[in-house]
Amino acid sequence: MFGPLGFPEMIFILILGLLIFGPKRLPEVGRTIGKGMAQFRKATTDLRRTIETEIALEDEPRKQTERLVRPPRAVATELQLPAASTPARTPDAPVEVPPAGASDPGEGAPGKSPSS
């Protein structure tokens, strides 16, 4: 019914309150206890909400750091995906390498040997 209190326990508390406070003050005491319990519930709810807000604010920098620091697998996957999706670059015209014995036409004047 009311948490761990059953009907017999509530009757016992009511009779005990009636004996201690009397029939005239019992309603006043009941209202006071009710107001006190309502204030207690409100205070615990506010405290719980404050703690949850503080925890959320504390977790926010951690979440931002986790977004910035990605796991190595995610970085490797990210690096592999663009390479696989872009076409391979074809080389421009092939470069011709002159033979070792051939002279470059711009080295000297024609008909003259380098030893003279």
C-alpha atoms as a PDB file:
ATOM      1  CA  MET A   1       0.000   0.000   0.000  1.00  0.00           C
ATOM      2  CA  PHE A   2       2.416   2.712   1.209  1.00  0.00           C
ATOM      3  CA  GLY A   3       5.808   1.162   0.645  1.00  0.00           C
ATOM      4  CA  PRO A   4       6.700  -1.391   3.312  1.00  0.00           C
ATOM      5  CA  LEU A   5       3.825  -0.244   5.599  1.00  0.00           C
ATOM      6  CA  GLY A   6       0.806  -2.492   5.528  1.00  0.00           C
ATOM      7  CA  PHE A   7      -2.685  -1.896   6.868  1.00  0.00           C
ATOM      8  CA  PRO A   8      -1.976  -3.190  10.419  1.00  0.00           C
ATOM      9  CA  GLU A   9       1.102  -0.963  10.776  1.00  0.00           C
ATOM     10  CA  MET A  10      -0.847   2.116   9.657  1.00  0.00           C
ATOM     11  CA  ILE A  11      -3.661   1.392  12.160  1.00  0.00           C
ATOM     12  CA  PHE A  12      -1.066   1.032  14.918  1.00  0.00           C
ATOM     13  CA  ILE A  13       0.549   4.388  14.015  1.00  0.00           C
ATOM     14  CA  LEU A  14      -2.889   6.077  13.911  1.00  0.00           C
ATOM     15  CA  ILE A  15      -3.842   4.741  17.364  1.00  0.00           C
ATOM     16  CA  LEU A  16      -0.433   5.727  18.753  1.00  0.00           C
ATOM     17  CA  GLY A  17      -0.798   9.262  17.342  1.00  0.00           C
ATOM     18  CA  LEU A  18      -4.303   9.516  18.767  1.00  0.00           C
ATOM     19  CA  LEU A  19      -3.033   8.543  22.214  1.00  0.00           C
ATOM     20  CA  ILE A  20      -0.041  10.912  22.099  1.00  0.00           C
ATOM     21  CA  PHE A  21      -1.597  14.028  20.508  1.00  0.00           C
ATOM     22  CA  GLY A  22      -5.297  13.611  21.276  1.00  0.00           C
ATOM     23  CA  PRO A  23      -8.271  13.928  18.925  1.00  0.00           C
ATOM     24  CA  LYS A  24      -8.086  17.747  18.678  1.00  0.00           C
ATOM     25  CA  ARG A  25      -4.402  18.104  17.654  1.00  0.00           C
ATOM     26  CA  LEU A  26      -4.157  14.970  15.471  1.00  0.00           C
ATOM     27  CA  PRO A  27      -5.465  16.651  12.238  1.00  0.00           C
ATOM     28  CA  GLU A  28      -3.073  19.585  12.748  1.00  0.00           C
ATOM     29  CA  VAL A  29      -0.129  17.227  13.271  1.00  0.00           C
ATOM     30  CA  GLY A  30      -1.174  15.235  10.188  1.00  0.00           C
ATOM     31  CA  ARG A  31      -1.206  18.387   8.034  1.00  0.00           C
ATOM     32  CA  THR A  32       2.195  19.427   9.365  1.00  0.00           C
ATOM     33  CA  ILE A  33       3.656  15.993   8.648  1.00  0.00           C
ATOM     34  CA  GLY A  34       2.097  16.037   5.151  1.00  0.00           C
ATOM     35  CA  LYS A  35       3.585  19.460   4.366  1.00  0.00           C
ATOM     36  CA  GLY A  36       6.964  18.344   5.663  1.00  0.00           C
ATOM     37  CA  MET A  37       6.907  15.217   3.501  1.00  0.00           C
ATOM     38  CA  ALA A  38       5.920  17.273   0.434  1.00  0.00           C
ATOM     39  CA  GLN A  39       8.832  19.654   1.038  1.00  0.00           C
ATOM     40  CA  PHE A  40      11.169  16.699   1.527  1.00  0.00           C
ATOM     41  CA  ARG A  41      10.055  15.132  -1.774  1.00  0.00           C
ATOM     42  CA  LYS A  42      10.497  18.455  -3.575  1.00  0.00           C
ATOM     43  CA  ALA A  43      13.978  18.893  -2.105  1.00  0.00           C
ATOM     44  CA  THR A  44      15.047  15.375  -3.110  1.00  0.00           C
ATOM     45  CA  THR A  45      13.675  15.890  -6.636  1.00  0.00           C
ATOM     46  CA  ASP A  46      15.554  19.191  -6.960  1.00  0.00           C
ATOM     47  CA  LEU A  47      18.734  17.587  -5.641  1.00  0.00           C
ATOM     48  CA  ARG A  48      18.420  14.657  -8.054  1.00  0.00           C
ATOM     49  CA  ARG A  49      17.840  17.039 -10.982  1.00  0.00           C
ATOM     50  CA  THR A  50      20.854  19.152  -9.980  1.00  0.00           C
ATOM     51  CA  ILE A  51      23.103  16.102  -9.738  1.00  0.00           C
ATOM     52  CA  GLU A  52      21.938  14.793 -13.128  1.00  0.00           C
ATOM     53  CA  THR A  53      22.576  18.210 -14.695  1.00  0.00           C
ATOM     54  CA  GLU A  54      26.075  18.369 -13.221  1.00  0.00           C
ATOM     55  CA  ILE A  55      26.856  14.862 -14.457  1.00  0.00           C
ATOM     56  CA  ALA A  56      25.631  15.774 -17.939  1.00  0.00           C
ATOM     57  CA  LEU A  57      27.794  18.915 -17.940  1.00  0.00           C
ATOM     58  CA  GLU A  58      30.769  16.870 -16.777  1.00  0.00           C
ATOM     59  CA  ASP A  59      30.252  14.320 -19.565  1.00  0.00           C
ATOM     60  CA  GLU A  60      30.013  16.971 -22.321  1.00  0.00           C
ATOM     61  CA  PRO A  61      33.789  17.682 -22.571  1.00  0.00           C
ATOM     62  CA  ARG A  62      34.428  13.930 -22.598  1.00  0.00           C
ATOM     63  CA  LYS A  63      31.998  13.485 -25.499  1.00  0.00           C
ATOM     64  CA  GLN A  64      33.644  16.317 -27.417  1.00  0.00           C
ATOM     65  CA  THR A  65      37.063  14.768 -26.835  1.00  0.00           C
ATOM     66  CA  GLU A  66      35.818  11.386 -28.021  1.00  0.00           C
ATOM     67  CA  ARG A  67      34.521  13.005 -31.208  1.00  0.00           C
ATOM     68  CA  LEU A  68      37.910  14.633 -31.825  1.00  0.00           C
ATOM     69  CA  VAL A  69      40.036  11.634 -30.917  1.00  0.00           C
ATOM     70  CA  ARG A  70      38.784   8.896 -33.164  1.00  0.00           C
ATOM     71  CA  PRO A  71      39.888   5.302 -32.810  1.00  0.00           C
ATOM     72  CA  PRO A  72      42.707   4.229 -35.161  1.00  0.00           C
ATOM     73  CA  ARG A  73      40.458   1.804 -37.031  1.00  0.00           C
ATOM     74  CA  ALA A  74      38.047   4.583 -37.945  1.00  0.00           C
ATOM     75  CA  VAL A  75      40.922   6.708 -39.250  1.00  0.00           C
ATOM     76  CA  ALA A  76      42.359   3.794 -41.240  1.00  0.00           C
ATOM     77  CA  THR A  77      38.967   3.006 -42.737  1.00  0.00           C
ATOM     78  CA  GLU A  78      38.463   6.651 -43.597  1.00  0.00           C
ATOM     79  CA  LEU A  79      41.844   6.778 -45.328  1.00  0.00           C
ATOM     80  CA  GLN A  80      41.205   3.594 -47.302  1.00  0.00           C
ATOM     81  CA  LEU A  81      37.771   4.538 -48.586  1.00  0.00           C
ATOM     82  CA  PRO A  82      38.770   7.596 -50.678  1.00  0.00           C
ATOM     83  CA  ALA A  83      41.738   5.752 -52.199  1.00  0.00           C
ATOM     84  CA  ALA A  84      39.541   2.886 -53.330  1.00  0.00           C
ATOM     85  CA  SER A  85      36.806   5.120 -54.713  1.00  0.00           C
ATOM     86  CA  THR A  86      39.019   7.467 -56.785  1.00  0.00           C
ATOM     87  CA  PRO A  87      40.260   6.238 -60.174  1.00  0.00           C
ATOM     88  CA  ALA A  88      43.944   5.539 -60.563  1.00  0.00           C
ATOM     89  CA  ARG A  89      45.880   8.426 -62.138  1.00  0.00           C
ATOM     90  CA  THR A  90      47.297   7.603 -65.523  1.00  0.00           C
ATOM     91  CA  PRO A  91      50.791   8.940 -66.152  1.00  0.00           C
ATOM     92  CA  ASP A  92      51.242  11.638 -68.783  1.00  0.00           C
ATOM     93  CA  ALA A  93      53.478  10.989 -71.774  1.00  0.00           C
ATOM     94  CA  PRO A  94      56.307   8.556 -70.990  1.00  0.00           C
ATOM     95  CA  VAL A  95      59.652  10.180 -70.331  1.00  0.00           C
ATOM     96  CA  GLU A  96      62.450   9.067 -72.660  1.00  0.00           C
ATOM     97  CA  VAL A  97      65.888   8.651 -71.164  1.00  0.00           C
ATOM     98  CA  PRO A  98      68.726   9.244 -73.664  1.00  0.00           C
ATOM     99  CA  PRO A  99      71.374   6.513 -73.959  1.00  0.00           C
ATOM    100  CA  ALA A 100      74.566   7.051 -71.979  1.00  0.00           C
ATOM    101  CA  GLY A 101      76.803   7.457 -75.066  1.00  0.00           C
ATOM    102  CA  ALA A 102      74.651  10.024 -76.838  1.00  0.00           C
ATOM    103  CA  SER A 103      75.478  13.660 -76.397  1.00  0.00           C
ATOM    104  CA  ASP A 104      72.961  16.331 -75.670  1.00  0.00           C
ATOM    105  CA  PRO A 105      72.514  18.670 -78.671  1.00  0.00           C
ATOM    106  CA  GLY A 106      72.783  21.734 -76.475  1.00  0.00           C
ATOM    107  CA  GLU A 107      76.155  20.813 -74.913  1.00  0.00           C
ATOM    108  CA  GLY A 108      78.509  22.268 -77.400  1.00  0.00           C
ATOM    109  CA  ALA A 109      78.874  23.477 -80.973  1.00  0.00           C
ATOM    110  CA  PRO A 110      78.541  20.824 -83.701  1.00  0.00           C
ATOM    111  CA  GLY A 111      81.742  19.416 -85.030  1.00  0.00           C
ATOM    112  CA  LYS A 112      83.806  20.260 -81.978  1.00  0.00           C
ATOM    113  CA  SER A 113      84.854  17.628 -79.522  1.00  0.00           C
ATOM    114  CA  PRO A 114      84.894  18.308 -75.833  1.00  0.00           C
ATOM    115  CA  SER A 115      88.645  17.602 -75.587  1.00  0.00           C
ATOM    116  CA  SER A 116      89.742  20.419 -77.904  1.00  0.00           C
END
